[in-house]
């Protein structure tokens, strides 16, 4: 079975996001992780946790064997924007993000046409109703949150990354 070209491209995009996120946050210090863009929005710490959870969710949706861990509920869709005590620290969340990306890339590479077109129980916010649509949505979702982190970076007075 050869992988679908669009899923191979998506796997490469997720892999690129690993290095992009590293550049975005590599010089964040502890106070930066607690910063948000204001107006009751998520902190950088919460965003990083949410990104790791989103990747883990997609890997499981595709069919990867990845146990759901208790900490994931702290950063899931609809979770409170606060970071509960005992939640993983940003370096650990970054590791979860990278590791989930490896699992996700392998899972995307193994998707058959039938797997890609499998109907979801409910549509994603963009109307996607298939596994392939969910994967495309969540890759764009990742970039949306990178934009938030870039804004937080700027509000913290850190130099631009590009």
C-alpha atoms as a PDB file:
ATOM      1  CA  UNK A   1       0.000   0.000   0.000  1.00  0.00           C
ATOM      2  CA  UNK A   2       1.404   3.384  -0.935  1.00  0.00           C
ATOM      3  CA  UNK A   3       0.501   6.371   1.225  1.00  0.00           C
ATOM      4  CA  UNK A   4      -1.745   9.096  -0.097  1.00  0.00           C
ATOM      5  CA  UNK A   5       0.371  11.996  -1.379  1.00  0.00           C
ATOM      6  CA  UNK A   6      -1.678  14.569   0.553  1.00  0.00           C
ATOM      7  CA  UNK A   7      -1.101  12.687   3.812  1.00  0.00           C
ATOM      8  CA  UNK A   8       2.644  12.462   3.085  1.00  0.00           C
ATOM      9  CA  UNK A   9       2.676  16.241   2.615  1.00  0.00           C
ATOM     10  CA  UNK A  10       0.702  16.709   5.818  1.00  0.00           C
ATOM     11  CA  UNK A  11       3.176  14.488   7.709  1.00  0.00           C
ATOM     12  CA  UNK A  12       6.028  16.708   6.438  1.00  0.00           C
ATOM     13  CA  UNK A  13       4.118  19.845   7.482  1.00  0.00           C
ATOM     14  CA  UNK A  14       3.640  18.516  11.006  1.00  0.00           C
ATOM     15  CA  UNK A  15       7.374  17.629  11.109  1.00  0.00           C
ATOM     16  CA  UNK A  16       8.260  21.173  10.000  1.00  0.00           C
ATOM     17  CA  UNK A  17       6.056  22.515  12.795  1.00  0.00           C
ATOM     18  CA  UNK A  18       8.384  20.821  15.306  1.00  0.00           C
ATOM     19  CA  UNK A  19      11.273  23.089  14.325  1.00  0.00           C
ATOM     20  CA  UNK A  20       8.972  26.102  13.913  1.00  0.00           C
ATOM     21  CA  UNK A  21       7.650  25.741  17.469  1.00  0.00           C
ATOM     22  CA  UNK A  22      11.185  25.359  18.802  1.00  0.00           C
ATOM     23  CA  UNK A  23      12.191  28.681  17.228  1.00  0.00           C
ATOM     24  CA  UNK A  24       9.040  30.368  18.543  1.00  0.00           C
ATOM     25  CA  UNK A  25       9.556  29.421  22.182  1.00  0.00           C
ATOM     26  CA  UNK A  26      13.215  28.478  22.689  1.00  0.00           C
ATOM     27  CA  UNK A  27      14.006  31.692  24.572  1.00  0.00           C
ATOM     28  CA  UNK A  28      10.830  31.772  26.695  1.00  0.00           C
ATOM     29  CA  UNK A  29      11.518  31.986  30.416  1.00  0.00           C
ATOM     30  CA  UNK A  30       9.112  31.048  33.199  1.00  0.00           C
ATOM     31  CA  UNK A  31       7.309  34.447  33.206  1.00  0.00           C
ATOM     32  CA  UNK A  32       6.793  34.234  29.430  1.00  0.00           C
ATOM     33  CA  UNK A  33       4.953  30.910  29.777  1.00  0.00           C
ATOM     34  CA  UNK A  34       2.388  32.558  32.064  1.00  0.00           C
ATOM     35  CA  UNK A  35       1.739  35.417  29.646  1.00  0.00           C
ATOM     36  CA  UNK A  36      -1.314  35.607  27.384  1.00  0.00           C
ATOM     37  CA  UNK A  37      -2.334  37.983  24.625  1.00  0.00           C
ATOM     38  CA  UNK A  38      -4.816  39.549  27.081  1.00  0.00           C
ATOM     39  CA  UNK A  39      -8.564  39.682  27.232  1.00  0.00           C
ATOM     40  CA  UNK A  40      -9.032  36.342  28.968  1.00  0.00           C
ATOM     41  CA  UNK A  41      -7.063  34.387  26.368  1.00  0.00           C
ATOM     42  CA  UNK A  42      -4.877  31.340  26.920  1.00  0.00           C
ATOM     43  CA  UNK A  43      -1.400  31.528  28.409  1.00  0.00           C
ATOM     44  CA  UNK A  44       1.573  30.314  26.400  1.00  0.00           C
ATOM     45  CA  UNK A  45       1.814  27.361  28.818  1.00  0.00           C
ATOM     46  CA  UNK A  46      -1.813  26.382  28.149  1.00  0.00           C
ATOM     47  CA  UNK A  47      -1.362  26.778  24.380  1.00  0.00           C
ATOM     48  CA  UNK A  48       1.671  24.476  24.378  1.00  0.00           C
ATOM     49  CA  UNK A  49      -0.249  21.856  26.362  1.00  0.00           C
ATOM     50  CA  UNK A  50      -3.205  22.206  24.005  1.00  0.00           C
ATOM     51  CA  UNK A  51      -0.958  21.699  20.979  1.00  0.00           C
ATOM     52  CA  UNK A  52       0.464  18.500  22.477  1.00  0.00           C
ATOM     53  CA  UNK A  53      -3.046  17.244  23.311  1.00  0.00           C
ATOM     54  CA  UNK A  54      -4.310  18.036  19.807  1.00  0.00           C
ATOM     55  CA  UNK A  55      -1.525  16.011  18.219  1.00  0.00           C
ATOM     56  CA  UNK A  56      -2.157  13.108  20.573  1.00  0.00           C
ATOM     57  CA  UNK A  57      -5.892  13.282  19.801  1.00  0.00           C
ATOM     58  CA  UNK A  58      -5.276  13.194  16.044  1.00  0.00           C
ATOM     59  CA  UNK A  59      -2.823  10.297  16.331  1.00  0.00           C
ATOM     60  CA  UNK A  60      -5.464   8.293  18.229  1.00  0.00           C
ATOM     61  CA  UNK A  61      -8.186   9.313  15.744  1.00  0.00           C
ATOM     62  CA  UNK A  62      -6.044   7.980  12.914  1.00  0.00           C
ATOM     63  CA  UNK A  63      -5.569   4.720  14.789  1.00  0.00           C
ATOM     64  CA  UNK A  64      -2.253   5.027  16.623  1.00  0.00           C
ATOM     65  CA  UNK A  65      -1.899   3.210  19.924  1.00  0.00           C
ATOM     66  CA  UNK A  66      -1.400   6.092  22.317  1.00  0.00           C
ATOM     67  CA  UNK A  67      -2.833   5.970  25.815  1.00  0.00           C
ATOM     68  CA  UNK A  68      -4.717   9.017  27.016  1.00  0.00           C
ATOM     69  CA  UNK A  69      -2.915  10.502  30.011  1.00  0.00           C
ATOM     70  CA  UNK A  70      -4.611  12.300  32.907  1.00  0.00           C
ATOM     71  CA  UNK A  71      -2.839  15.616  32.249  1.00  0.00           C
ATOM     72  CA  UNK A  72      -4.437  15.891  28.795  1.00  0.00           C
ATOM     73  CA  UNK A  73      -7.780  16.959  30.276  1.00  0.00           C
ATOM     74  CA  UNK A  74      -6.107  20.174  31.535  1.00  0.00           C
ATOM     75  CA  UNK A  75      -5.443  21.331  27.968  1.00  0.00           C
ATOM     76  CA  UNK A  76      -8.306  19.792  26.010  1.00  0.00           C
ATOM     77  CA  UNK A  77     -10.841  21.731  23.961  1.00  0.00           C
ATOM     78  CA  UNK A  78     -13.201  23.464  26.352  1.00  0.00           C
ATOM     79  CA  UNK A  79     -10.824  23.153  29.326  1.00  0.00           C
ATOM     80  CA  UNK A  80     -10.336  26.149  31.594  1.00  0.00           C
ATOM     81  CA  UNK A  81      -7.560  28.425  30.327  1.00  0.00           C
ATOM     82  CA  UNK A  82      -5.767  28.182  33.661  1.00  0.00           C
ATOM     83  CA  UNK A  83      -3.002  25.653  34.115  1.00  0.00           C
ATOM     84  CA  UNK A  84      -3.834  23.485  37.132  1.00  0.00           C
ATOM     85  CA  UNK A  85      -1.140  22.746  39.657  1.00  0.00           C
ATOM     86  CA  UNK A  86       0.570  19.473  38.874  1.00  0.00           C
ATOM     87  CA  UNK A  87       0.264  19.960  35.108  1.00  0.00           C
ATOM     88  CA  UNK A  88       3.356  19.181  33.078  1.00  0.00           C
ATOM     89  CA  UNK A  89       5.822  22.064  32.791  1.00  0.00           C
ATOM     90  CA  UNK A  90       6.522  23.586  29.341  1.00  0.00           C
ATOM     91  CA  UNK A  91       9.698  21.540  28.659  1.00  0.00           C
ATOM     92  CA  UNK A  92       7.769  18.313  29.306  1.00  0.00           C
ATOM     93  CA  UNK A  93       4.870  19.513  27.150  1.00  0.00           C
ATOM     94  CA  UNK A  94       7.299  20.353  24.345  1.00  0.00           C
ATOM     95  CA  UNK A  95       8.611  16.782  24.558  1.00  0.00           C
ATOM     96  CA  UNK A  96       5.030  15.442  24.438  1.00  0.00           C
ATOM     97  CA  UNK A  97       4.421  17.627  21.365  1.00  0.00           C
ATOM     98  CA  UNK A  98       7.515  16.305  19.557  1.00  0.00           C
ATOM     99  CA  UNK A  99       6.872  12.669  20.514  1.00  0.00           C
ATOM    100  CA  UNK A 100       3.232  12.876  19.455  1.00  0.00           C
ATOM    101  CA  UNK A 101       4.447  14.332  16.154  1.00  0.00           C
ATOM    102  CA  UNK A 102       6.583  11.253  15.527  1.00  0.00           C
ATOM    103  CA  UNK A 103       3.648   8.942  16.226  1.00  0.00           C
ATOM    104  CA  UNK A 104       1.398  11.139  14.094  1.00  0.00           C
ATOM    105  CA  UNK A 105       3.797  11.201  11.136  1.00  0.00           C
ATOM    106  CA  UNK A 106       4.028   7.419  11.115  1.00  0.00           C
ATOM    107  CA  UNK A 107       0.249   7.090  11.390  1.00  0.00           C
ATOM    108  CA  UNK A 108      -0.329   9.559   8.533  1.00  0.00           C
ATOM    109  CA  UNK A 109       2.121   7.687   6.319  1.00  0.00           C
ATOM    110  CA  UNK A 110       0.213   4.436   6.906  1.00  0.00           C
ATOM    111  CA  UNK A 111      -3.281   5.766   6.130  1.00  0.00           C
ATOM    112  CA  UNK A 112      -5.076   3.993   3.335  1.00  0.00           C
ATOM    113  CA  UNK A 113      -7.617   5.645   1.085  1.00  0.00           C
ATOM    114  CA  UNK A 114     -10.355   3.914   3.062  1.00  0.00           C
ATOM    115  CA  UNK A 115      -8.894   5.151   6.376  1.00  0.00           C
ATOM    116  CA  UNK A 116      -8.693   8.714   5.049  1.00  0.00           C
ATOM    117  CA  UNK A 117     -12.330   8.731   3.995  1.00  0.00           C
ATOM    118  CA  UNK A 118     -13.657   7.151   7.196  1.00  0.00           C
ATOM    119  CA  UNK A 119     -16.614   9.221   8.429  1.00  0.00           C
ATOM    120  CA  UNK A 120     -16.336  10.888  11.816  1.00  0.00           C
ATOM    121  CA  UNK A 121     -19.105  10.806  14.422  1.00  0.00           C
ATOM    122  CA  UNK A 122     -19.403  14.586  14.229  1.00  0.00           C
ATOM    123  CA  UNK A 123     -17.905  17.238  11.968  1.00  0.00           C
ATOM    124  CA  UNK A 124     -14.954  19.423  12.855  1.00  0.00           C
ATOM    125  CA  UNK A 125     -15.435  23.207  13.151  1.00  0.00           C
ATOM    126  CA  UNK A 126     -14.591  23.682   9.464  1.00  0.00           C
ATOM    127  CA  UNK A 127     -17.218  21.108   8.439  1.00  0.00           C
ATOM    128  CA  UNK A 128     -14.725  18.281   7.818  1.00  0.00           C
ATOM    129  CA  UNK A 129     -16.362  14.889   8.247  1.00  0.00           C
ATOM    130  CA  UNK A 130     -13.510  12.512   7.417  1.00  0.00           C
ATOM    131  CA  UNK A 131     -10.233  11.490   9.046  1.00  0.00           C
ATOM    132  CA  UNK A 132      -8.274  13.229   6.267  1.00  0.00           C
ATOM    133  CA  UNK A 133     -10.327  16.393   6.778  1.00  0.00           C
ATOM    134  CA  UNK A 134      -9.705  16.272  10.520  1.00  0.00           C
ATOM    135  CA  UNK A 135      -5.957  15.926   9.905  1.00  0.00           C
ATOM    136  CA  UNK A 136      -5.940  18.947   7.580  1.00  0.00           C
ATOM    137  CA  UNK A 137      -8.020  20.982  10.049  1.00  0.00           C
ATOM    138  CA  UNK A 138      -5.741  20.153  12.984  1.00  0.00           C
ATOM    139  CA  UNK A 139      -2.596  21.052  11.046  1.00  0.00           C
ATOM    140  CA  UNK A 140      -4.102  24.497  10.377  1.00  0.00           C
ATOM    141  CA  UNK A 141      -5.274  24.642  14.011  1.00  0.00           C
ATOM    142  CA  UNK A 142      -1.641  24.162  15.042  1.00  0.00           C
ATOM    143  CA  UNK A 143      -0.583  27.140  12.940  1.00  0.00           C
ATOM    144  CA  UNK A 144      -3.344  29.291  14.444  1.00  0.00           C
ATOM    145  CA  UNK A 145      -1.927  28.627  17.905  1.00  0.00           C
ATOM    146  CA  UNK A 146       1.606  29.315  16.653  1.00  0.00           C
ATOM    147  CA  UNK A 147       0.308  32.761  15.721  1.00  0.00           C
ATOM    148  CA  UNK A 148      -0.894  33.232  19.299  1.00  0.00           C
ATOM    149  CA  UNK A 149       2.533  32.225  20.597  1.00  0.00           C
ATOM    150  CA  UNK A 150       4.150  34.677  18.178  1.00  0.00           C
ATOM    151  CA  UNK A 151       1.932  37.452  19.510  1.00  0.00           C
ATOM    152  CA  UNK A 152       2.770  36.530  23.108  1.00  0.00           C
ATOM    153  CA  UNK A 153       6.452  36.516  22.132  1.00  0.00           C
ATOM    154  CA  UNK A 154       6.088  40.056  20.816  1.00  0.00           C
ATOM    155  CA  UNK A 155       4.143  41.227  23.891  1.00  0.00           C
ATOM    156  CA  UNK A 156       6.962  39.859  26.079  1.00  0.00           C
ATOM    157  CA  UNK A 157       9.458  42.039  24.190  1.00  0.00           C
ATOM    158  CA  UNK A 158      11.342  39.101  22.706  1.00  0.00           C
ATOM    159  CA  UNK A 159      13.013  39.605  19.330  1.00  0.00           C
ATOM    160  CA  UNK A 160      11.088  38.465  16.273  1.00  0.00           C
ATOM    161  CA  UNK A 161      11.926  34.972  15.104  1.00  0.00           C
ATOM    162  CA  UNK A 162      12.022  35.811  11.395  1.00  0.00           C
END
